[in-house]
Amino acid sequence: MLQESERRSESYRDQINELRLSKERQAEDMGQLVAQNNRLQAVAEEHEQLQVAYTEQIQRVEALQRSVNAHMEEQTSLREMNEMLRRHNESLKEQMEDEKKRLTKQLKDKEAKLADEKDKVRTLEHEKEELDSAVDGLRKDLTKLEQLKKETVKKYEASNAEKDAQIKAQKAELEKNAQIVAMIHNISAGVKS
């Protein structure tokens, strides 16, 4: 009986040792599970933080993408506006060149016309000088003619007076001769009778 009791005791001890070892293993497993659970909890928390950070990052990326898109649209709009302004500037430049050519031609035409007018004025001034000189010559000639006319009139008047005197003298001489002839005739007629 003692041996049986010892065998049972030995068996119980073995069972107790196994139970103790099993408990220790379970405790160790439990510690490992707790540590793993803690690690998983930390990983879950880190994952959640990373998820939040990822969401924030996504939001920032989306905001940046929207900003980039807006900047690209603005850049495209500015490019189109710049092209429009460039074309408008070229158009204005061409218009200014055409206007400059037109004004330059107009200025040259006016300068040529002015030079022609100046030549005409010089010609007219020269002709006027010649006319003034001719008028002065004619005035001098007219003065001479007036003087000559006066002298001629005086001479004519003097000559007329002289001729009138001569005519009167000749008339008196004729009358005297007629009287003499009449007397001679009367005398001749008286002698005959």
N, C-alpha and C. Protein backbone atom coordinates (compact mmCIF):
# COMPACT_ATOMS: atom_id res chain seq x y z
N MET A 1 0.83 -1.20 0.00
CA MET A 1 0.00 0.00 0.00
C MET A 1 0.85 1.23 0.00
N LEU A 2 1.92 1.18 0.71
CA LEU A 2 2.83 2.32 0.77
C LEU A 2 3.41 2.58 -0.60
N GLN A 3 3.72 1.50 -1.27
CA GLN A 3 4.29 1.69 -2.61
C GLN A 3 3.24 2.27 -3.53
N GLU A 4 2.05 1.79 -3.39
CA GLU A 4 0.95 2.33 -4.22
C GLU A 4 0.76 3.77 -3.92
N SER A 5 0.85 4.11 -2.61
CA SER A 5 0.67 5.50 -2.20
C SER A 5 1.81 6.35 -2.73
N GLU A 6 3.00 5.75 -2.70
CA GLU A 6 4.15 6.50 -3.21
C GLU A 6 4.03 6.70 -4.72
N ARG A 7 3.52 5.63 -5.38
CA ARG A 7 3.34 5.75 -6.83
C ARG A 7 2.33 6.82 -7.16
N ARG A 8 1.25 6.80 -6.38
CA ARG A 8 0.23 7.82 -6.61
C ARG A 8 0.79 9.18 -6.29
N SER A 9 1.56 9.26 -5.18
CA SER A 9 2.15 10.55 -4.80
C SER A 9 3.09 11.02 -5.91
N GLU A 10 3.87 10.01 -6.41
CA GLU A 10 4.80 10.36 -7.50
C GLU A 10 4.00 10.81 -8.71
N SER A 11 2.92 10.10 -8.96
CA SER A 11 2.09 10.47 -10.10
C SER A 11 1.48 11.85 -9.90
N TYR A 12 1.04 12.08 -8.62
CA TYR A 12 0.47 13.41 -8.33
C TYR A 12 1.53 14.49 -8.50
N ARG A 13 2.75 14.15 -8.01
CA ARG A 13 3.81 15.14 -8.14
C ARG A 13 4.07 15.45 -9.60
N ASP A 14 4.10 14.33 -10.37
CA ASP A 14 4.32 14.53 -11.82
C ASP A 14 3.20 15.37 -12.42
N GLN A 15 1.98 15.02 -12.01
CA GLN A 15 0.84 15.81 -12.52
C GLN A 15 0.94 17.27 -12.09
N ILE A 16 1.34 17.44 -10.78
CA ILE A 16 1.48 18.80 -10.25
C ILE A 16 2.57 19.54 -11.03
N ASN A 17 3.70 18.81 -11.26
CA ASN A 17 4.79 19.44 -12.02
C ASN A 17 4.32 19.81 -13.43
N GLU A 18 3.58 18.83 -13.98
CA GLU A 18 3.07 19.12 -15.35
C GLU A 18 2.12 20.30 -15.33
N LEU A 19 1.24 20.26 -14.28
CA LEU A 19 0.30 21.39 -14.16
C LEU A 19 1.06 22.69 -13.94
N ARG A 20 2.12 22.60 -13.06
CA ARG A 20 2.91 23.82 -12.80
C ARG A 20 3.61 24.28 -14.06
N LEU A 21 4.19 23.29 -14.78
CA LEU A 21 4.86 23.65 -16.02
C LEU A 21 3.86 24.19 -17.05
N SER A 22 2.68 23.49 -17.04
CA SER A 22 1.64 23.96 -17.96
C SER A 22 1.19 25.36 -17.60
N LYS A 23 1.09 25.60 -16.27
CA LYS A 23 0.67 26.94 -15.81
C LYS A 23 1.73 27.98 -16.18
N GLU A 24 3.01 27.53 -15.95
CA GLU A 24 4.09 28.47 -16.29
C GLU A 24 4.09 28.77 -17.79
N ARG A 25 3.88 27.63 -18.57
CA ARG A 25 3.83 27.84 -20.02
C ARG A 25 2.65 28.74 -20.39
N GLN A 26 1.50 28.46 -19.71
CA GLN A 26 0.32 29.30 -19.97
C GLN A 26 0.58 30.76 -19.57
N ALA A 27 1.27 30.89 -18.40
CA ALA A 27 1.59 32.25 -17.94
C ALA A 27 2.54 32.91 -18.93
N GLU A 28 3.52 32.08 -19.39
CA GLU A 28 4.46 32.64 -20.38
C GLU A 28 3.73 32.98 -21.67
N ASP A 29 2.84 32.00 -22.06
CA ASP A 29 2.05 32.27 -23.27
C ASP A 29 1.18 33.51 -23.08
N MET A 30 0.59 33.58 -21.85
CA MET A 30 -0.27 34.73 -21.56
C MET A 30 0.56 36.02 -21.63
N GLY A 31 1.80 35.96 -21.05
CA GLY A 31 2.67 37.15 -21.11
C GLY A 31 2.98 37.53 -22.56
N GLN A 32 3.27 36.44 -23.35
CA GLN A 32 3.56 36.69 -24.76
C GLN A 32 2.34 37.27 -25.47
N LEU A 33 1.13 36.67 -25.10
CA LEU A 33 -0.10 37.17 -25.71
C LEU A 33 -0.36 38.62 -25.32
N VAL A 34 -0.10 38.93 -24.01
CA VAL A 34 -0.29 40.31 -23.54
C VAL A 34 0.68 41.24 -24.26
N ALA A 35 1.96 40.75 -24.33
CA ALA A 35 2.96 41.58 -25.02
C ALA A 35 2.57 41.77 -26.49
N GLN A 36 2.12 40.63 -27.10
CA GLN A 36 1.71 40.72 -28.50
C GLN A 36 0.49 41.62 -28.65
N ASN A 37 -0.44 41.47 -27.68
CA ASN A 37 -1.64 42.32 -27.70
C ASN A 37 -1.25 43.78 -27.56
N ASN A 38 -0.27 44.02 -26.63
CA ASN A 38 0.20 45.42 -26.46
C ASN A 38 0.85 45.94 -27.75
N ARG A 39 1.64 44.99 -28.34
CA ARG A 39 2.27 45.39 -29.59
C ARG A 39 1.21 45.67 -30.65
N LEU A 40 0.22 44.76 -30.71
CA LEU A 40 -0.85 44.96 -31.69
C LEU A 40 -1.62 46.25 -31.40
N GLN A 41 -1.84 46.53 -30.09
CA GLN A 41 -2.52 47.77 -29.72
C GLN A 41 -1.71 48.97 -30.16
N ALA A 42 -0.38 48.87 -29.91
CA ALA A 42 0.50 49.97 -30.32
C ALA A 42 0.49 50.11 -31.84
N VAL A 43 0.52 48.91 -32.52
CA VAL A 43 0.48 48.94 -33.98
C VAL A 43 -0.84 49.54 -34.46
N ALA A 44 -1.95 49.14 -33.75
CA ALA A 44 -3.26 49.67 -34.13
C ALA A 44 -3.31 51.19 -33.93
N GLU A 45 -2.76 51.63 -32.75
CA GLU A 45 -2.72 53.08 -32.49
C GLU A 45 -1.85 53.79 -33.55
N GLU A 46 -0.68 53.17 -33.81
CA GLU A 46 0.20 53.76 -34.82
C GLU A 46 -0.47 53.77 -36.19
N HIS A 47 -1.20 52.62 -36.47
CA HIS A 47 -1.92 52.55 -37.74
C HIS A 47 -2.99 53.63 -37.82
N GLU A 48 -3.68 53.82 -36.67
CA GLU A 48 -4.71 54.87 -36.65
C GLU A 48 -4.08 56.24 -36.85
N GLN A 49 -2.94 56.48 -36.15
CA GLN A 49 -2.24 57.76 -36.32
C GLN A 49 -1.77 57.93 -37.78
N LEU A 50 -1.23 56.79 -38.31
CA LEU A 50 -0.79 56.85 -39.70
C LEU A 50 -1.97 57.08 -40.64
N GLN A 51 -3.12 56.47 -40.29
CA GLN A 51 -4.32 56.66 -41.11
C GLN A 51 -4.75 58.13 -41.08
N VAL A 52 -4.71 58.71 -39.86
CA VAL A 52 -5.05 60.14 -39.73
C VAL A 52 -4.05 60.99 -40.51
N ALA A 53 -2.74 60.65 -40.31
CA ALA A 53 -1.70 61.40 -41.03
C ALA A 53 -1.86 61.22 -42.53
N TYR A 54 -2.19 59.94 -42.94
CA TYR A 54 -2.39 59.67 -44.36
C TYR A 54 -3.57 60.48 -44.92
N THR A 55 -4.66 60.51 -44.10
CA THR A 55 -5.84 61.28 -44.52
C THR A 55 -5.50 62.76 -44.66
N GLU A 56 -4.77 63.27 -43.63
CA GLU A 56 -4.34 64.67 -43.70
C GLU A 56 -3.43 64.91 -44.90
N GLN A 57 -2.52 63.94 -45.12
CA GLN A 57 -1.60 64.06 -46.25
C GLN A 57 -2.38 64.05 -47.57
N ILE A 58 -3.37 63.14 -47.64
CA ILE A 58 -4.21 63.07 -48.85
C ILE A 58 -4.93 64.40 -49.05
N GLN A 59 -5.47 64.95 -47.95
CA GLN A 59 -6.17 66.24 -48.04
C GLN A 59 -5.22 67.34 -48.50
N ARG A 60 -3.98 67.31 -47.92
CA ARG A 60 -2.99 68.32 -48.33
C ARG A 60 -2.62 68.13 -49.81
N VAL A 61 -2.46 66.83 -50.20
CA VAL A 61 -2.13 66.55 -51.61
C VAL A 61 -3.25 67.02 -52.52
N GLU A 62 -4.51 66.73 -52.09
CA GLU A 62 -5.65 67.18 -52.90
C GLU A 62 -5.70 68.70 -52.97
N ALA A 63 -5.45 69.35 -51.81
CA ALA A 63 -5.44 70.83 -51.80
C ALA A 63 -4.33 71.36 -52.70
N LEU A 64 -3.14 70.69 -52.60
CA LEU A 64 -2.03 71.11 -53.46
C LEU A 64 -2.36 70.86 -54.93
N GLN A 65 -3.03 69.70 -55.19
CA GLN A 65 -3.41 69.40 -56.57
C GLN A 65 -4.38 70.45 -57.10
N ARG A 66 -5.37 70.82 -56.23
CA ARG A 66 -6.31 71.88 -56.63
C ARG A 66 -5.57 73.19 -56.88
N SER A 67 -4.61 73.49 -55.97
CA SER A 67 -3.83 74.72 -56.14
C SER A 67 -3.01 74.68 -57.42
N VAL A 68 -2.39 73.48 -57.67
CA VAL A 68 -1.60 73.31 -58.90
C VAL A 68 -2.49 73.46 -60.13
N ASN A 69 -3.69 72.82 -60.06
CA ASN A 69 -4.63 72.93 -61.18
C ASN A 69 -5.04 74.39 -61.40
N ALA A 70 -5.31 75.07 -60.26
CA ALA A 70 -5.70 76.49 -60.37
C ALA A 70 -4.56 77.30 -60.97
N HIS A 71 -3.32 77.01 -60.50
CA HIS A 71 -2.16 77.73 -61.03
C HIS A 71 -1.95 77.41 -62.51
N MET A 72 -2.19 76.13 -62.86
CA MET A 72 -2.04 75.75 -64.27
C MET A 72 -3.09 76.45 -65.13
N GLU A 73 -4.33 76.49 -64.60
CA GLU A 73 -5.38 77.20 -65.33
C GLU A 73 -5.04 78.68 -65.46
N GLU A 74 -4.55 79.24 -64.34
CA GLU A 74 -4.16 80.66 -64.37
C GLU A 74 -3.00 80.89 -65.34
N GLN A 75 -2.04 79.94 -65.32
CA GLN A 75 -0.91 80.05 -66.23
C GLN A 75 -1.37 79.94 -67.69
N THR A 76 -2.31 79.00 -67.93
CA THR A 76 -2.86 78.85 -69.29
C THR A 76 -3.58 80.12 -69.70
N SER A 77 -4.39 80.66 -68.75
CA SER A 77 -5.10 81.91 -69.03
C SER A 77 -4.13 83.05 -69.29
N LEU A 78 -3.06 83.11 -68.45
CA LEU A 78 -2.05 84.17 -68.64
C LEU A 78 -1.32 83.99 -69.97
N ARG A 79 -1.07 82.69 -70.34
CA ARG A 79 -0.40 82.43 -71.60
C ARG A 79 -1.27 82.89 -72.77
N GLU A 80 -2.58 82.55 -72.67
CA GLU A 80 -3.51 82.96 -73.73
C GLU A 80 -3.61 84.49 -73.80
N MET A 81 -3.66 85.12 -72.59
CA MET A 81 -3.73 86.59 -72.56
C MET A 81 -2.46 87.20 -73.12
N ASN A 82 -1.31 86.58 -72.78
CA ASN A 82 -0.04 87.08 -73.30
C ASN A 82 0.01 86.95 -74.81
N GLU A 83 -0.49 85.81 -75.33
CA GLU A 83 -0.53 85.62 -76.78
C GLU A 83 -1.45 86.64 -77.45
N MET A 84 -2.61 86.87 -76.79
CA MET A 84 -3.55 87.85 -77.33
C MET A 84 -2.92 89.25 -77.33
N LEU A 85 -2.24 89.57 -76.21
CA LEU A 85 -1.58 90.88 -76.13
C LEU A 85 -0.46 90.98 -77.15
N ARG A 86 0.27 89.85 -77.36
CA ARG A 86 1.35 89.87 -78.35
C ARG A 86 0.79 90.12 -79.75
N ARG A 87 -0.32 89.42 -80.07
CA ARG A 87 -0.94 89.64 -81.38
C ARG A 87 -1.46 91.06 -81.51
N HIS A 88 -2.10 91.53 -80.42
CA HIS A 88 -2.61 92.90 -80.43
C HIS A 88 -1.47 93.90 -80.59
N ASN A 89 -0.35 93.61 -79.90
CA ASN A 89 0.81 94.49 -79.99
C ASN A 89 1.38 94.49 -81.40
N GLU A 90 1.44 93.28 -82.01
CA GLU A 90 1.93 93.20 -83.39
C GLU A 90 1.00 93.94 -84.34
N SER A 91 -0.32 93.78 -84.09
CA SER A 91 -1.29 94.49 -84.92
C SER A 91 -1.12 96.00 -84.78
N LEU A 92 -0.97 96.45 -83.52
CA LEU A 92 -0.75 97.88 -83.28
C LEU A 92 0.55 98.35 -83.92
N LYS A 93 1.58 97.48 -83.83
CA LYS A 93 2.87 97.83 -84.42
C LYS A 93 2.74 97.99 -85.93
N GLU A 94 2.01 97.03 -86.56
CA GLU A 94 1.79 97.13 -88.01
C GLU A 94 0.99 98.39 -88.35
N GLN A 95 -0.05 98.65 -87.54
CA GLN A 95 -0.84 99.86 -87.78
C GLN A 95 0.01 101.11 -87.64
N MET A 96 0.88 101.11 -86.59
CA MET A 96 1.76 102.27 -86.38
C MET A 96 2.76 102.42 -87.53
N GLU A 97 3.27 101.27 -88.02
CA GLU A 97 4.19 101.33 -89.15
C GLU A 97 3.49 101.88 -90.39
N ASP A 98 2.25 101.36 -90.63
CA ASP A 98 1.48 101.86 -91.77
C ASP A 98 1.19 103.35 -91.62
N GLU A 99 0.80 103.75 -90.38
CA GLU A 99 0.50 105.17 -90.13
C GLU A 99 1.77 106.01 -90.29
N LYS A 100 2.90 105.45 -89.81
CA LYS A 100 4.18 106.17 -89.94
C LYS A 100 4.54 106.35 -91.41
N LYS A 101 4.36 105.25 -92.21
CA LYS A 101 4.65 105.35 -93.64
C LYS A 101 3.73 106.37 -94.31
N ARG A 102 2.43 106.32 -93.92
CA ARG A 102 1.46 107.26 -94.52
C ARG A 102 1.83 108.70 -94.17
N LEU A 103 2.15 108.92 -92.87
CA LEU A 103 2.50 110.28 -92.44
C LEU A 103 3.81 110.75 -93.07
N THR A 104 4.78 109.80 -93.19
CA THR A 104 6.06 110.14 -93.82
C THR A 104 5.85 110.54 -95.27
N LYS A 105 5.02 109.75 -95.98
CA LYS A 105 4.71 110.07 -97.39
C LYS A 105 3.98 111.40 -97.47
N GLN A 106 3.02 111.58 -96.55
CA GLN A 106 2.26 112.85 -96.54
C GLN A 106 3.18 114.02 -96.27
N LEU A 107 4.13 113.81 -95.33
CA LEU A 107 5.08 114.87 -95.01
C LEU A 107 5.98 115.18 -96.20
N LYS A 108 6.46 114.13 -96.89
CA LYS A 108 7.31 114.34 -98.06
C LYS A 108 6.53 115.05 -99.17
N ASP A 109 5.27 114.62 -99.36
CA ASP A 109 4.44 115.28 -100.37
C ASP A 109 4.26 116.75 -100.04
N LYS A 110 3.99 117.02 -98.74
CA LYS A 110 3.79 118.42 -98.33
C LYS A 110 5.08 119.22 -98.45
N GLU A 111 6.22 118.56 -98.11
CA GLU A 111 7.50 119.24 -98.25
C GLU A 111 7.78 119.56 -99.72
N ALA A 112 7.48 118.57 -100.60
CA ALA A 112 7.67 118.79 -102.05
C ALA A 112 6.74 119.91 -102.53
N LYS A 113 5.48 119.87 -102.06
CA LYS A 113 4.52 120.90 -102.44
C LYS A 113 4.96 122.26 -101.93
N LEU A 114 5.49 122.26 -100.67
CA LEU A 114 5.97 123.52 -100.09
C LEU A 114 7.17 124.05 -100.87
N ALA A 115 8.09 123.14 -101.24
CA ALA A 115 9.25 123.56 -102.04
C ALA A 115 8.78 124.12 -103.38
N ASP A 116 7.78 123.45 -103.99
CA ASP A 116 7.22 123.94 -105.26
C ASP A 116 6.57 125.31 -105.06
N GLU A 117 5.83 125.44 -103.95
CA GLU A 117 5.19 126.74 -103.66
C GLU A 117 6.26 127.82 -103.44
N LYS A 118 7.36 127.43 -102.75
CA LYS A 118 8.44 128.41 -102.52
C LYS A 118 9.06 128.84 -103.84
N ASP A 119 9.25 127.83 -104.74
CA ASP A 119 9.78 128.17 -106.06
C ASP A 119 8.83 129.13 -106.79
N LYS A 120 7.52 128.83 -106.69
CA LYS A 120 6.54 129.71 -107.33
C LYS A 120 6.59 131.10 -106.71
N VAL A 121 6.71 131.14 -105.37
CA VAL A 121 6.79 132.46 -104.69
C VAL A 121 8.02 133.22 -105.14
N ARG A 122 9.17 132.47 -105.21
CA ARG A 122 10.40 133.13 -105.67
C ARG A 122 10.23 133.64 -107.10
N THR A 123 9.60 132.78 -107.94
CA THR A 123 9.36 133.20 -109.33
C THR A 123 8.47 134.43 -109.38
N LEU A 124 7.39 134.39 -108.57
CA LEU A 124 6.47 135.53 -108.53
C LEU A 124 7.15 136.78 -107.99
N GLU A 125 8.00 136.59 -106.96
CA GLU A 125 8.73 137.75 -106.41
C GLU A 125 9.68 138.33 -107.46
N HIS A 126 10.35 137.40 -108.21
CA HIS A 126 11.24 137.86 -109.28
C HIS A 126 10.44 138.60 -110.35
N GLU A 127 9.28 137.98 -110.73
CA GLU A 127 8.44 138.65 -111.72
C GLU A 127 7.94 139.99 -111.19
N LYS A 128 7.59 140.05 -109.90
CA LYS A 128 7.13 141.29 -109.30
C LYS A 128 8.23 142.35 -109.34
N GLU A 129 9.48 141.89 -109.01
CA GLU A 129 10.59 142.83 -109.08
C GLU A 129 10.76 143.36 -110.50
N GLU A 130 10.66 142.40 -111.48
CA GLU A 130 10.78 142.84 -112.87
C GLU A 130 9.65 143.79 -113.24
N LEU A 131 8.41 143.47 -112.79
CA LEU A 131 7.27 144.35 -113.06
C LEU A 131 7.45 145.70 -112.39
N ASP A 132 7.94 145.67 -111.12
CA ASP A 132 8.17 146.93 -110.41
C ASP A 132 9.20 147.76 -111.16
N SER A 133 10.28 147.04 -111.63
CA SER A 133 11.31 147.75 -112.38
C SER A 133 10.73 148.32 -113.68
N ALA A 134 9.88 147.49 -114.36
CA ALA A 134 9.26 147.96 -115.61
C ALA A 134 8.32 149.12 -115.33
N VAL A 135 7.55 149.02 -114.22
CA VAL A 135 6.64 150.12 -113.86
C VAL A 135 7.42 151.39 -113.56
N ASP A 136 8.55 151.23 -112.84
CA ASP A 136 9.38 152.41 -112.57
C ASP A 136 9.88 153.01 -113.87
N GLY A 137 10.33 152.12 -114.81
CA GLY A 137 10.78 152.61 -116.11
C GLY A 137 9.66 153.31 -116.87
N LEU A 138 8.45 152.71 -116.82
CA LEU A 138 7.30 153.33 -117.49
C LEU A 138 6.92 154.65 -116.85
N ARG A 139 7.03 154.69 -115.50
CA ARG A 139 6.74 155.96 -114.82
C ARG A 139 7.73 157.04 -115.25
N LYS A 140 9.01 156.64 -115.34
CA LYS A 140 10.01 157.62 -115.79
C LYS A 140 9.72 158.05 -117.22
N ASP A 141 9.41 157.02 -118.08
CA ASP A 141 9.06 157.36 -119.47
C ASP A 141 7.83 158.25 -119.53
N LEU A 142 6.84 157.96 -118.67
CA LEU A 142 5.62 158.76 -118.63
C LEU A 142 5.92 160.19 -118.19
N THR A 143 6.81 160.28 -117.19
CA THR A 143 7.21 161.63 -116.73
C THR A 143 7.89 162.38 -117.86
N LYS A 144 8.79 161.67 -118.58
CA LYS A 144 9.47 162.30 -119.71
C LYS A 144 8.46 162.71 -120.78
N LEU A 145 7.49 161.78 -121.05
CA LEU A 145 6.48 162.09 -122.05
C LEU A 145 5.62 163.28 -121.63
N GLU A 146 5.28 163.34 -120.34
CA GLU A 146 4.50 164.48 -119.84
C GLU A 146 5.29 165.77 -120.03
N GLN A 147 6.60 165.67 -119.68
CA GLN A 147 7.45 166.86 -119.84
C GLN A 147 7.55 167.25 -121.31
N LEU A 148 7.74 166.19 -122.17
CA LEU A 148 7.84 166.44 -123.60
C LEU A 148 6.53 167.02 -124.14
N LYS A 149 5.41 166.49 -123.60
CA LYS A 149 4.10 166.99 -124.02
C LYS A 149 3.95 168.46 -123.66
N LYS A 150 4.35 168.77 -122.43
CA LYS A 150 4.26 170.17 -121.99
C LYS A 150 5.12 171.06 -122.88
N GLU A 151 6.36 170.57 -123.12
CA GLU A 151 7.26 171.37 -123.97
C GLU A 151 6.69 171.50 -125.38
N THR A 152 6.12 170.36 -125.89
CA THR A 152 5.53 170.39 -127.24
C THR A 152 4.35 171.34 -127.30
N VAL A 153 3.51 171.29 -126.25
CA VAL A 153 2.34 172.19 -126.21
C VAL A 153 2.79 173.64 -126.19
N LYS A 154 3.84 173.89 -125.37
CA LYS A 154 4.35 175.27 -125.31
C LYS A 154 4.88 175.70 -126.66
N LYS A 155 5.67 174.77 -127.26
CA LYS A 155 6.21 175.10 -128.59
C LYS A 155 5.08 175.30 -129.60
N TYR A 156 4.05 174.39 -129.53
CA TYR A 156 2.92 174.50 -130.45
C TYR A 156 2.17 175.80 -130.25
N GLU A 157 1.97 176.12 -128.98
CA GLU A 157 1.26 177.38 -128.69
C GLU A 157 2.08 178.57 -129.18
N ALA A 158 3.40 178.51 -128.92
CA ALA A 158 4.25 179.62 -129.38
C ALA A 158 4.26 179.70 -130.91
N SER A 159 4.33 178.49 -131.56
CA SER A 159 4.33 178.45 -133.02
C SER A 159 3.00 178.96 -133.56
N ASN A 160 1.90 178.60 -132.94
CA ASN A 160 0.57 179.06 -133.36
C ASN A 160 0.45 180.57 -133.24
N ALA A 161 0.98 181.07 -132.14
CA ALA A 161 0.92 182.53 -131.94
C ALA A 161 1.71 183.25 -133.03
N GLU A 162 2.89 182.63 -133.30
CA GLU A 162 3.72 183.23 -134.34
C GLU A 162 3.04 183.15 -135.70
N LYS A 163 2.43 181.99 -135.97
CA LYS A 163 1.73 181.83 -137.26
C LYS A 163 0.53 182.76 -137.34
N ASP A 164 -0.19 182.90 -136.23
CA ASP A 164 -1.34 183.83 -136.23
C ASP A 164 -0.87 185.25 -136.55
N ALA A 165 0.26 185.61 -135.96
CA ALA A 165 0.80 186.96 -136.23
C ALA A 165 1.18 187.08 -137.70
N GLN A 166 1.81 186.02 -138.22
CA GLN A 166 2.20 186.04 -139.63
C GLN A 166 0.96 186.12 -140.53
N ILE A 167 -0.10 185.33 -140.15
CA ILE A 167 -1.33 185.34 -140.95
C ILE A 167 -1.96 186.75 -140.93
N LYS A 168 -1.99 187.34 -139.74
CA LYS A 168 -2.55 188.70 -139.64
C LYS A 168 -1.75 189.68 -140.49
N ALA A 169 -0.43 189.54 -140.42
CA ALA A 169 0.43 190.45 -141.21
C ALA A 169 0.20 190.23 -142.70
N GLN A 170 0.08 188.93 -143.08
CA GLN A 170 -0.15 188.63 -144.49
C GLN A 170 -1.52 189.14 -144.93
N LYS A 171 -2.53 188.99 -144.03
CA LYS A 171 -3.86 189.50 -144.36
C LYS A 171 -3.81 191.02 -144.52
N ALA A 172 -3.12 191.67 -143.65
CA ALA A 172 -3.00 193.15 -143.76
C ALA A 172 -2.29 193.53 -145.04
N GLU A 173 -1.24 192.75 -145.38
CA GLU A 173 -0.50 193.02 -146.62
C GLU A 173 -1.39 192.79 -147.81
N LEU A 174 -2.21 191.74 -147.76
CA LEU A 174 -3.13 191.45 -148.86
C LEU A 174 -4.17 192.55 -149.01
N GLU A 175 -4.68 192.97 -147.89
CA GLU A 175 -5.68 194.06 -147.94
C GLU A 175 -5.03 195.33 -148.52
N LYS A 176 -3.82 195.55 -148.06
CA LYS A 176 -3.10 196.74 -148.57
C LYS A 176 -2.88 196.61 -150.07
N ASN A 177 -2.45 195.44 -150.53
CA ASN A 177 -2.24 195.21 -151.96
C ASN A 177 -3.55 195.32 -152.72
N ALA A 178 -4.64 194.82 -152.11
CA ALA A 178 -5.95 194.91 -152.78
C ALA A 178 -6.37 196.37 -152.93
N GLN A 179 -6.11 197.12 -151.89
CA GLN A 179 -6.43 198.56 -151.97
C GLN A 179 -5.61 199.23 -153.07
N ILE A 180 -4.34 198.86 -153.17
CA ILE A 180 -3.48 199.43 -154.20
C ILE A 180 -3.98 199.04 -155.57
N VAL A 181 -4.35 197.79 -155.71
CA VAL A 181 -4.86 197.31 -156.99
C VAL A 181 -6.14 198.06 -157.35
N ALA A 182 -6.98 198.22 -156.35
CA ALA A 182 -8.24 198.94 -156.60
C ALA A 182 -7.97 200.38 -157.00
N MET A 183 -7.03 201.03 -156.39
CA MET A 183 -6.69 202.40 -156.71
C MET A 183 -6.13 202.46 -158.12
N ILE A 184 -5.25 201.52 -158.42
CA ILE A 184 -4.66 201.51 -159.77
C ILE A 184 -5.79 201.29 -160.79
N HIS A 185 -6.69 200.43 -160.51
CA HIS A 185 -7.80 200.17 -161.40
C HIS A 185 -8.69 201.42 -161.59
N ASN A 186 -8.92 202.07 -160.46
CA ASN A 186 -9.71 203.30 -160.53
C ASN A 186 -8.99 204.37 -161.34
N ILE A 187 -7.72 204.44 -161.13
CA ILE A 187 -6.95 205.46 -161.85
C ILE A 187 -6.95 205.11 -163.33
N SER A 188 -6.74 203.83 -163.63
CA SER A 188 -6.71 203.41 -165.03
C SER A 188 -8.06 203.68 -165.67
N ALA A 189 -9.11 203.42 -165.00
CA ALA A 189 -10.44 203.66 -165.53
C ALA A 189 -10.69 205.14 -165.75
N GLY A 190 -10.18 206.01 -164.88
CA GLY A 190 -10.36 207.43 -165.04
C GLY A 190 -9.57 207.97 -166.21
N VAL A 191 -8.39 207.46 -166.49
CA VAL A 191 -7.54 207.93 -167.59
C VAL A 191 -8.21 207.54 -168.86
N LYS A 192 -8.74 206.39 -168.96
CA LYS A 192 -9.37 205.94 -170.18
C LYS A 192 -10.57 206.79 -170.54
N SER A 193 -11.30 207.25 -169.60
CA SER A 193 -12.47 208.04 -169.92
C SER A 193 -12.03 209.44 -170.22
